[in-house]
Protein backbone atom coordinates (compact mmCIF):
# COMPACT_ATOMS: atom_id res chain seq x y z
CA MET A 1 17.08 44.51 102.23
CA LYS A 2 16.70 45.05 98.56
CA CYS A 3 19.66 46.58 96.96
CA ASP A 4 18.20 47.84 93.73
CA ILE A 5 17.92 51.55 93.50
CA THR A 6 15.61 52.77 91.17
CA LEU A 7 15.59 56.35 89.59
CA GLY A 8 13.26 56.86 87.00
CA ASP A 9 13.40 53.53 84.21
CA ALA A 10 16.83 52.69 85.28
CA THR A 11 17.08 49.80 87.96
CA TYR A 12 20.45 48.12 88.83
CA GLY A 13 20.94 44.93 90.47
CA PRO A 14 24.03 42.81 90.69
CA LEU A 15 27.21 41.95 88.65
CA PRO A 16 26.48 40.49 85.73
CA SER A 17 28.75 36.77 85.55
CA SER A 18 29.96 38.25 81.68
CA ILE A 19 32.43 40.92 82.94
CA PRO A 20 35.43 40.62 85.38
CA ALA A 21 35.87 42.01 89.16
CA VAL A 22 35.31 45.36 89.64
CA VAL A 23 37.32 47.32 91.65
CA TYR A 24 36.65 50.51 93.27
CA ALA A 25 39.14 52.71 95.98
CA GLU A 26 38.50 56.07 97.48
CA LEU A 27 41.26 57.91 99.73
CA LEU A 28 39.42 58.76 103.44
CA LEU A 29 41.66 61.99 103.98
CA ASN A 30 40.16 62.13 107.39
CA ILE A 31 41.04 58.70 109.09
CA ARG A 32 44.63 58.36 106.27
CA GLN A 33 42.99 55.20 104.71
CA VAL A 34 41.94 53.71 101.41
CA ASN A 35 38.73 51.87 101.01
CA ILE A 36 38.41 49.26 98.71
CA PHE A 37 35.46 47.37 97.85
CA VAL A 38 35.70 44.32 95.38
CA SER A 39 32.43 42.77 93.10
CA LEU A 40 32.88 39.75 91.90
CA PRO A 41 31.01 37.85 89.07
CA THR A 42 30.92 34.95 90.97
CA PRO A 43 31.35 33.71 94.24
CA SER A 44 34.84 33.52 95.80
CA SER A 45 36.88 30.27 95.96
CA PRO A 46 39.87 29.17 96.99
CA GLU A 47 41.63 30.71 94.08
CA THR A 48 40.70 33.59 94.22
CA LYS A 49 43.26 36.41 95.44
CA ALA A 50 44.38 39.97 95.98
CA GLU A 51 47.72 41.16 95.91
CA LEU A 52 48.96 45.12 96.32
CA SER A 53 51.95 46.01 94.38
CA SER A 54 55.26 46.40 95.66
CA ASP A 55 55.43 50.30 95.34
CA GLY A 56 52.00 49.80 96.94
CA LEU A 57 50.41 52.18 94.24
CA SER A 58 48.29 49.22 92.14
CA PHE A 59 45.76 46.44 94.09
CA SER A 60 44.96 43.39 92.02
CA VAL A 61 42.62 40.87 92.28
CA THR A 62 42.61 37.57 90.61
CA HIS A 63 39.38 35.51 90.33
CA ASP A 64 38.03 32.59 88.00
CA GLY A 65 41.22 32.88 85.69
CA ARG A 66 40.86 36.73 85.28
CA VAL A 67 42.66 39.60 86.90
CA SER A 68 41.50 42.97 87.83
CA THR A 69 44.21 45.64 88.34
CA LEU A 70 43.56 48.88 89.74
CA ARG A 71 45.61 52.57 90.16
CA LEU A 72 45.09 53.65 93.63
CA PRO A 73 44.22 57.54 94.67
CA THR A 74 47.37 57.40 96.33
CA LYS A 75 50.26 55.12 97.90
CA VAL A 76 48.95 52.69 101.07
CA ALA A 77 51.67 51.39 103.57
CA GLY A 78 49.15 47.71 104.74
CA LEU A 79 48.97 44.26 102.97
CA PRO A 80 45.38 43.08 101.93
CA PRO A 81 44.83 39.71 103.88
CA SER A 82 46.44 36.77 102.60
CA ASN A 83 43.67 34.86 103.53
CA LEU A 84 40.21 35.69 102.26
CA PRO A 85 36.79 35.29 103.77
CA PRO A 86 36.04 30.92 103.76
CA ALA A 87 32.65 30.81 102.92
CA PRO A 88 31.96 31.94 99.20
CA THR A 89 31.09 35.83 98.63
CA LYS A 90 30.92 38.03 95.99
CA GLU A 91 31.69 40.51 97.77
CA LEU A 92 35.29 41.53 99.71
CA SER A 93 35.96 45.08 101.11
CA PHE A 94 39.60 46.43 102.59
CA ARG A 95 40.88 49.10 104.21
CA LEU A 96 44.95 50.14 104.31
CA PRO A 97 46.76 52.64 105.88
CA LEU A 98 48.34 55.72 103.78
CA ALA A 99 52.04 55.62 103.21
CA GLN A 100 53.96 57.90 105.57
CA LEU A 101 55.54 59.64 102.24
CA ALA A 102 51.75 59.52 100.51
CA SER A 103 51.06 61.76 97.83
CA HIS A 104 50.26 65.13 97.39
CA ALA A 105 46.37 63.75 97.22
CA THR A 106 46.20 63.06 100.59
CA SER A 107 46.06 67.25 101.39
CA ALA A 108 42.42 68.19 101.02
CA ASP A 109 42.36 71.66 98.70
CA PRO A 110 39.67 74.17 100.09
CA ASP A 111 39.14 75.86 97.01
CA ASN A 112 35.95 75.56 94.83
CA ILE A 113 38.16 75.13 91.47
CA THR A 114 36.19 75.64 87.95
CA PRO A 115 38.19 76.35 84.81
CA TRP A 116 37.97 79.89 82.35
CA ALA A 117 38.73 82.77 85.30
CA ALA A 118 39.46 85.93 84.27
CA ASN A 119 43.51 85.24 84.47
CA SER A 120 43.23 81.98 81.79
CA LEU A 121 41.12 84.59 79.11
CA ALA A 122 42.56 86.41 76.22
CA THR A 123 40.94 88.99 74.34
CA THR A 124 40.82 86.23 71.30
CA ALA A 125 38.58 84.33 73.34
CA VAL A 126 35.52 82.60 71.68
CA LEU A 127 32.86 81.23 73.23
CA SER A 128 30.85 78.28 70.94
CA CYS A 129 27.68 76.32 72.04
CA ARG A 130 28.54 72.78 73.26
CA LYS A 131 25.92 71.12 71.47
CA CYS A 132 26.98 72.21 68.25
CA GLY A 133 30.04 74.22 68.46
CA ALA A 134 28.77 77.60 66.61
CA THR A 135 30.21 80.64 67.63
CA LEU A 136 28.63 82.33 70.85
CA VAL A 137 30.96 85.34 71.24
CA GLU A 138 33.66 85.98 68.88
CA ALA A 139 37.43 86.37 69.12
CA GLY A 140 38.30 90.57 70.42
CA ALA A 141 34.50 90.77 71.37
CA ILE A 142 35.78 90.97 74.99
CA LYS A 143 38.65 93.50 75.44
CA VAL A 144 38.94 92.89 79.72
CA TRP A 145 37.91 89.82 81.85
CA LYS A 146 37.25 90.62 85.02
CA ASP A 147 36.07 87.82 87.81
CA LEU A 148 33.50 88.09 89.83
CA PRO A 149 32.83 88.26 93.58
CA SER A 150 30.84 85.68 95.17
CA GLU A 151 26.60 85.44 94.66
CA ASN A 152 26.20 87.50 98.57
CA TRP A 153 29.38 90.08 98.35
CA ALA A 154 26.94 92.94 98.77
CA GLU A 155 25.87 91.29 102.64
CA MET A 156 29.36 90.59 103.57
CA MET A 157 30.61 94.39 102.55
CA GLU A 158 27.34 95.27 104.54
CA PHE A 159 28.08 93.87 107.51
CA TRP A 160 31.81 93.21 107.68
CA HIS A 161 33.10 96.99 106.45
CA CYS A 162 33.47 98.35 109.82
CA HIS A 163 33.92 102.27 108.10
CA LYS A 164 31.64 102.43 105.60
CA PRO A 165 33.00 105.76 103.45
CA GLY A 166 30.45 107.88 104.02
CA GLU A 167 29.75 107.40 107.66
CA HIS A 168 30.60 108.97 111.11
CA GLY A 169 30.86 112.57 109.24
CA ASN A 170 33.55 111.18 106.91
CA PRO A 171 34.70 114.17 104.92
CA ASN A 172 34.89 112.04 101.68
CA GLU A 173 31.13 111.36 101.61
CA GLY A 174 30.25 110.17 97.99
CA ASN A 175 33.42 108.37 97.65
CA HIS A 176 31.68 105.35 98.15
CA ILE A 177 29.23 105.38 95.10
CA GLY A 178 29.46 102.98 93.03
CA LYS A 179 32.57 101.33 94.88
CA GLY A 180 30.50 98.07 96.41
CA TYR A 181 29.88 99.54 100.16
CA THR A 182 26.79 99.26 100.57
CA ALA A 183 23.42 96.13 100.16
CA GLY A 184 22.33 98.16 97.01
CA GLU A 185 25.35 98.53 94.88
CA LYS A 186 25.34 96.58 91.94
CA ILE A 187 27.51 94.88 89.20
CA THR A 188 26.56 96.01 85.62
CA ALA A 189 27.68 94.58 82.14
CA ASP A 190 29.27 96.63 79.84
CA THR A 191 30.21 96.07 75.94
CA ALA A 192 33.57 94.46 75.21
CA LEU A 193 33.54 93.71 78.85
CA GLY A 194 33.95 89.96 80.08
CA LEU A 195 32.26 89.72 84.45
CA VAL A 196 33.53 85.89 85.23
CA ASP A 197 31.85 83.54 87.45
CA LEU A 198 31.80 80.00 88.93
CA CYS A 199 29.15 78.89 86.80
CA TYR A 200 28.83 81.59 84.07
CA PHE A 201 29.86 84.43 82.14
CA LEU A 202 28.00 88.43 82.34
CA LEU A 203 28.13 89.86 79.31
CA SER A 204 26.68 92.64 77.47
CA GLU A 205 23.61 92.35 74.62
CA LYS A 206 25.99 93.39 72.57
CA ASP A 207 29.05 91.00 72.34
CA CYS A 208 26.60 87.25 71.68
CA SER A 209 26.42 87.35 68.33
CA GLY A 210 25.48 83.85 68.18
CA VAL A 211 22.44 84.18 70.93
CA GLU A 212 19.11 84.77 70.62
CA VAL A 213 15.86 85.25 73.27
CA ARG A 214 13.78 81.60 72.91
CA CYS A 215 11.30 81.24 75.43
CA CYS A 216 10.27 77.74 75.49
CA ILE A 217 11.14 76.54 78.60
CA SER A 218 8.90 76.14 81.38
CA PHE A 219 9.48 75.34 85.42
CA THR A 220 7.43 75.22 88.85
CA ILE A 221 8.94 77.58 91.54
CA ARG A 222 8.77 78.20 95.14
CA ILE A 223 8.51 81.79 96.08
CA LEU A 224 10.85 82.75 99.18
CA HIS A 225 9.05 83.89 102.85
CA ALA A 226 10.93 83.78 105.48
CA VAL A 227 8.46 84.34 108.55
CA GLY A 228 6.13 80.81 108.40
CA ASN A 229 4.78 78.51 106.66
CA ILE A 230 2.03 79.63 104.23
CA ASN A 231 0.30 77.60 101.29
CA PRO A 232 -1.35 79.90 99.20
CA SER A 233 -1.49 79.15 95.56
CA VAL A 234 -1.51 82.25 93.05
CA ARG A 235 -2.41 81.71 89.26
CA ALA A 236 -2.65 84.75 86.60
CA SER A 237 -4.15 84.55 83.34
CA ARG A 238 -2.24 87.30 81.40
CA ARG A 239 0.58 86.21 78.63
CA ARG A 240 2.79 87.87 80.63
CA PRO A 241 3.92 87.80 84.13
CA SER A 242 2.63 90.39 86.22
CA PRO A 243 2.71 91.57 89.74
CA GLU A 244 0.63 90.51 92.54
CA THR A 245 1.08 91.69 95.61
CA SER A 246 0.30 89.30 98.85
CA ARG A 247 0.56 90.46 102.51
CA LEU A 248 1.56 87.52 104.52
CA ASN A 249 2.05 87.24 108.07
CA GLY A 250 2.73 90.53 107.86
CA GLU A 251 5.51 91.04 104.88
CA VAL A 252 5.24 91.28 101.09
CA THR A 253 6.09 89.46 99.15
CA ASP A 254 5.67 89.96 95.39
CA THR A 255 4.05 86.87 93.23
CA VAL A 256 3.60 86.10 89.62
CA ALA A 257 3.01 83.92 87.81
CA ARG A 258 1.56 82.59 84.37
CA ASP A 259 0.22 78.59 84.36
CA GLN A 260 2.52 78.06 87.52
CA HIS A 261 1.69 77.16 90.92
CA TYR A 262 3.25 78.98 94.07
CA SER A 263 4.27 77.45 97.33
CA PRO A 264 6.24 79.16 99.46
CA SER A 265 9.80 78.01 101.03
CA LYS A 266 12.16 79.34 102.97
CA SER A 267 14.26 76.65 101.04
CA HIS A 268 14.45 78.38 98.03
CA MET A 269 16.56 81.64 98.45
CA PRO A 270 19.80 80.01 97.98
CA CYS A 271 18.60 79.41 94.56
CA LEU A 272 17.47 81.94 93.35
CA SER A 273 19.91 83.76 94.12
CA SER A 274 22.36 81.73 92.40
CA SER A 275 24.03 80.83 88.93
CA PHE A 276 21.40 79.33 87.91
CA ALA A 277 18.44 79.80 85.86
CA PHE A 278 14.60 79.23 86.09
CA TYR A 279 12.56 79.19 82.51
CA SER A 280 8.55 80.10 82.71
CA LYS A 281 6.82 78.61 79.41
CA LYS A 282 6.96 82.31 77.95
CA GLY A 283 10.70 82.35 78.17
CA TYR A 284 10.74 84.53 81.55
CA LEU A 285 12.90 83.95 84.62
CA ILE A 286 11.09 84.67 87.82
CA ALA A 287 14.16 85.06 90.63
CA ALA A 288 13.08 86.46 93.98
CA GLN A 289 15.68 87.62 96.26
CA ASN A 290 14.03 88.21 99.74
CA THR A 291 10.74 90.00 98.55
CA THR A 292 11.96 91.12 95.12
CA LYS A 293 10.76 90.41 91.48
CA ARG A 294 13.07 89.41 88.78
CA LEU A 295 11.79 88.53 84.98
CA LEU A 296 14.29 87.21 82.49
CA GLN A 297 14.22 85.52 79.18
CA ALA A 298 15.56 82.34 77.88
CA LEU A 299 18.75 82.78 75.87
CA ALA A 300 19.34 80.04 72.94
CA CYS A 301 21.85 79.40 70.90
CA ALA A 302 21.20 80.58 67.51
CA SER A 303 22.03 77.71 65.39
CA CYS A 304 21.03 74.56 67.72
CA GLN A 305 18.42 76.97 69.82
CA VAL A 306 19.57 75.07 72.81
CA ILE A 307 18.96 76.73 75.93
CA VAL A 308 22.51 78.60 76.75
CA GLY A 309 21.55 80.99 79.26
CA ALA A 310 19.57 83.55 80.64
CA ALA A 311 19.47 87.45 80.57
CA ASP A 312 19.76 89.30 84.32
CA GLU A 313 17.95 92.50 84.22
CA ARG A 314 19.49 93.67 87.26
CA ALA A 315 23.12 93.35 85.81
CA GLU A 316 21.44 94.44 82.02
CA GLY A 317 23.12 91.93 81.01
CA TRP A 318 23.43 88.49 80.04
CA ARG A 319 24.02 85.57 81.39
CA LEU A 320 25.98 82.45 79.34
CA TYR A 321 26.26 79.38 81.57
CA LYS A 322 29.39 77.06 81.55
CA TRP A 323 27.80 74.20 81.36
CA SER A 324 26.22 74.94 77.64
CA LEU A 325 29.57 76.40 76.24
CA ALA A 326 32.79 75.22 74.60
CA VAL A 327 35.44 78.11 75.10
CA GLN A 328 38.98 78.41 73.36
CA PRO A 329 40.65 80.47 75.61
CA ALA A 330 43.18 82.47 73.52
CA GLU A 331 44.10 81.95 69.84
CA GLU A 332 46.70 79.41 69.72
CA ALA A 333 44.72 77.45 72.69
CA ASN A 334 42.76 74.59 72.14
CA THR A 335 38.99 74.32 72.72
CA GLU A 336 38.12 73.04 75.90
CA ARG A 337 34.46 71.59 76.88
CA PHE A 338 33.00 69.72 80.23
CA ARG A 339 30.11 67.50 81.21
CA ALA A 340 27.75 69.66 83.25
CA ASP A 341 27.69 67.49 86.57
CA PHE A 342 31.15 69.45 86.59
CA PHE A 343 29.36 72.60 87.23
CA ILE A 344 27.05 71.24 89.56
CA SER A 345 29.03 70.02 91.74
CA VAL A 346 30.28 73.73 91.70
CA HIS A 347 27.56 75.52 92.06
CA LEU A 348 26.65 72.87 95.06
CA LEU A 349 29.91 73.72 96.52
CA ALA A 350 29.52 77.18 96.85
CA LEU A 351 25.87 76.39 97.76
CA ILE A 352 27.25 74.43 100.84
CA GLU A 353 30.17 77.09 101.68
CA THR A 354 27.45 79.86 101.67
CA GLN A 355 23.94 78.60 103.11
CA GLY A 356 25.50 75.25 105.07
CA ALA A 357 23.04 72.95 103.40
CA ARG A 358 23.45 69.52 101.96
CA LYS A 359 20.28 67.93 100.74
CA TYR A 360 18.69 69.77 97.76
CA ILE A 361 15.56 68.61 95.42
CA ILE A 362 17.07 69.14 92.08
CA GLU A 363 13.80 70.53 89.63
CA THR A 364 12.85 71.08 86.11
CA ASP A 365 9.81 71.05 84.26
CA GLY A 366 8.56 68.27 82.43
CA ALA A 367 10.84 65.05 84.47
CA THR A 368 10.65 64.11 88.09
CA PRO A 369 12.71 65.96 90.62
CA ILE A 370 16.02 63.96 92.27
CA LEU A 371 16.68 64.15 95.93
CA LEU A 372 20.47 65.38 96.01
CA TRP A 373 21.95 64.80 99.39
CA VAL A 374 25.61 65.52 99.40
CA PHE A 375 27.51 63.34 102.09
CA ASN A 376 31.23 64.15 101.21
CA THR A 377 32.34 67.02 99.44
CA ASP A 378 35.81 66.23 98.47
CA LEU A 379 37.26 62.92 97.93
CA ARG A 380 39.72 60.59 95.41
CA TYR A 381 38.80 57.31 94.11
CA SER A 382 39.65 55.36 90.96
CA ILE A 383 38.03 51.97 89.49
CA SER A 384 38.34 49.47 87.43
CA ASN A 385 35.98 49.09 84.89
CA PRO A 386 36.15 51.55 83.30
CA PRO A 387 39.99 51.72 83.80
CA SER A 388 40.69 55.49 85.39
CA VAL A 389 43.18 57.18 87.07
CA SER A 390 42.81 58.91 90.48
CA GLN A 391 39.71 61.68 90.10
CA ARG A 392 38.18 64.42 92.56
CA ALA A 393 34.87 64.24 93.52
CA MET A 394 31.60 64.56 95.56
CA LYS A 395 29.84 61.12 96.53
CA VAL A 396 26.37 62.02 97.06
CA PHE A 397 23.50 59.59 97.74
CA TYR A 398 19.89 59.85 95.53
CA GLN A 399 16.42 59.06 95.16
CA THR A 400 13.18 59.89 93.71
CA PRO A 401 11.93 62.39 96.55
CA SER A 402 8.64 61.53 97.77
CA SER A 403 5.51 63.32 99.49
CA ALA A 404 7.40 62.39 102.83
CA VAL A 405 10.21 64.47 102.50
CA GLY A 406 9.51 67.30 105.19
CA GLN A 407 7.84 65.66 107.29
CA PRO A 408 7.68 64.34 110.97
CA ASP A 409 10.40 61.83 111.54
CA THR A 410 9.37 58.94 114.13
CA LYS A 411 10.39 61.20 116.86
CA GLY A 412 7.85 63.99 116.06
CA LYS A 413 10.63 66.42 114.58
CA THR A 414 10.34 67.67 111.49
CA PRO A 415 13.95 68.42 109.54
CA PRO A 416 14.53 71.63 107.93
CA PRO A 417 13.25 70.64 103.96
CA PRO A 418 16.06 70.89 101.33
CA GLU A 419 17.02 73.72 99.47
CA GLU A 420 15.66 73.62 95.64
CA VAL A 421 17.89 74.14 92.86
CA HIS A 422 16.11 74.20 89.25
CA LEU A 423 18.16 73.22 85.77
CA PRO A 424 16.99 73.61 82.27
CA LEU A 425 15.37 70.52 81.08
CA HIS A 426 18.45 68.80 78.94
CA ILE A 427 21.19 70.07 82.22
CA HIS A 428 18.67 68.05 84.00
CA GLN A 429 18.31 64.75 81.90
CA GLU A 430 22.32 65.09 81.58
CA LEU A 431 22.43 64.74 85.39
CA ARG A 432 20.39 62.52 85.64
CA GLU A 433 22.61 60.15 83.60
CA ARG A 434 24.98 60.71 84.92
CA LEU A 435 24.31 60.04 88.38
CA GLN A 436 23.03 55.96 86.87
CA GLU A 437 26.63 55.52 85.03
CA SER A 438 28.39 56.13 87.80
CA ASN A 439 26.38 54.17 90.45
CA ARG A 440 26.53 51.48 87.47
CA SER A 441 30.01 51.23 87.43
CA LEU A 442 30.37 51.26 91.60
CA PRO A 443 30.62 47.66 92.68
CA THR A 444 27.53 46.30 94.01
CA PRO A 445 28.06 47.14 97.96
CA ALA A 446 29.09 50.79 97.54
CA ARG A 447 26.08 51.76 95.60
CA THR A 448 23.21 51.77 97.84
CA PHE A 449 22.93 53.12 101.46
CA GLN A 450 19.68 52.42 103.02
CA GLU A 451 17.32 53.58 100.44
CA TRP A 452 19.29 56.03 98.39
CA GLY A 453 21.64 55.07 95.96
CA ILE A 454 25.21 56.00 95.52
CA ALA A 455 27.17 58.26 92.91
CA LEU A 456 30.09 60.59 92.68
CA LEU A 457 30.10 63.38 90.51
CA ASP A 458 33.45 64.51 89.73
CA ARG A 459 34.56 67.77 90.36
CA PHE A 460 38.00 69.73 89.08
CA ASP A 461 41.12 69.70 89.83
CA ASN A 462 44.42 71.87 89.89
């Protein structure tokens, strides 16, 4: 089988002979072992050695007179075999058991951690553009910060609140209004109030001094239809999208288009109800939840014009996405900024928790989609080139989606279609580059699985 993996224009082959051995270790919590892969630039020889430090925290490979040392994710107890395979090989692997008293890294943390929670932000917090540093929300504009509930909070209240006020002859009928006890309730933005989600801030338009409406990004969207598989295309020629109601399989679905192609898909709902933005050529964002339609406008940094968020009509406010921001939490604090893939990991974890899906098509306008399979949601790894400390991450498999996605397999069974996540073009490109960079950094045997490329998307940690 060919080991090269192609995504876009990038192809990854064997390790060049000009660099030292690459050592990669990942902590396998379920079986309490550390898996170690070694990729050598030239075939092994009798002088090639693999050694573990006396404290069980470092692993070294000596080859061709050069030493590659790796700090392991946690302490191990075993020793690598003293005799390496007699036949020359470029690939080595070891699996070592954890020490009895290993560090806290051997305990799984179920929390989906993300920075800039409400309790970490002061009234003097400043929100800036991650690209150019221009101020988007000035210090003192927000007087109160509050964390938002999960995206499906209304449904959870509807199904799990046993004794809702206003039912069963409750004498205090009406006290439930505005308290979020029913799915009809909504959260709205307000002046000087900052609402904080895992991936975005919901703010009043008046508080966003450095943000402007910009209509520039197009997208392709699949409308949710929960009943059956249908394939109608809807196109309109109006300058602004306008609703056209279609009755499909006995249900009413609103469809809107401006040079867009719509293909109803059961898998689209999680993304449409998520914290991501989907932009049309005229700057309108269409988000359908069940059979409803919403039009939102793309928001850009007034200085560099990069997309930083989207207007939210239902919430009567503006969403500024964390991946596009740099934040100074307090007056005396340093400004913090993170790569976009950290927040993409946060969003995928939230989707896995609420929807249970593991495969996603990451789409944008003007670029090839990425088919992403979240294989392991939580692991710790370290790598020798470039040298790194133990990092929390999720392991993902990726490839360019083919026309075979969603088609019957060899046994005649049709697998569930991947969920769809739409990203702005520049964030989609940043994700693609991160996947390629991560894949290149891995030893050759850890780069592929069948027709999939393998990469690591870093996660936030305590």
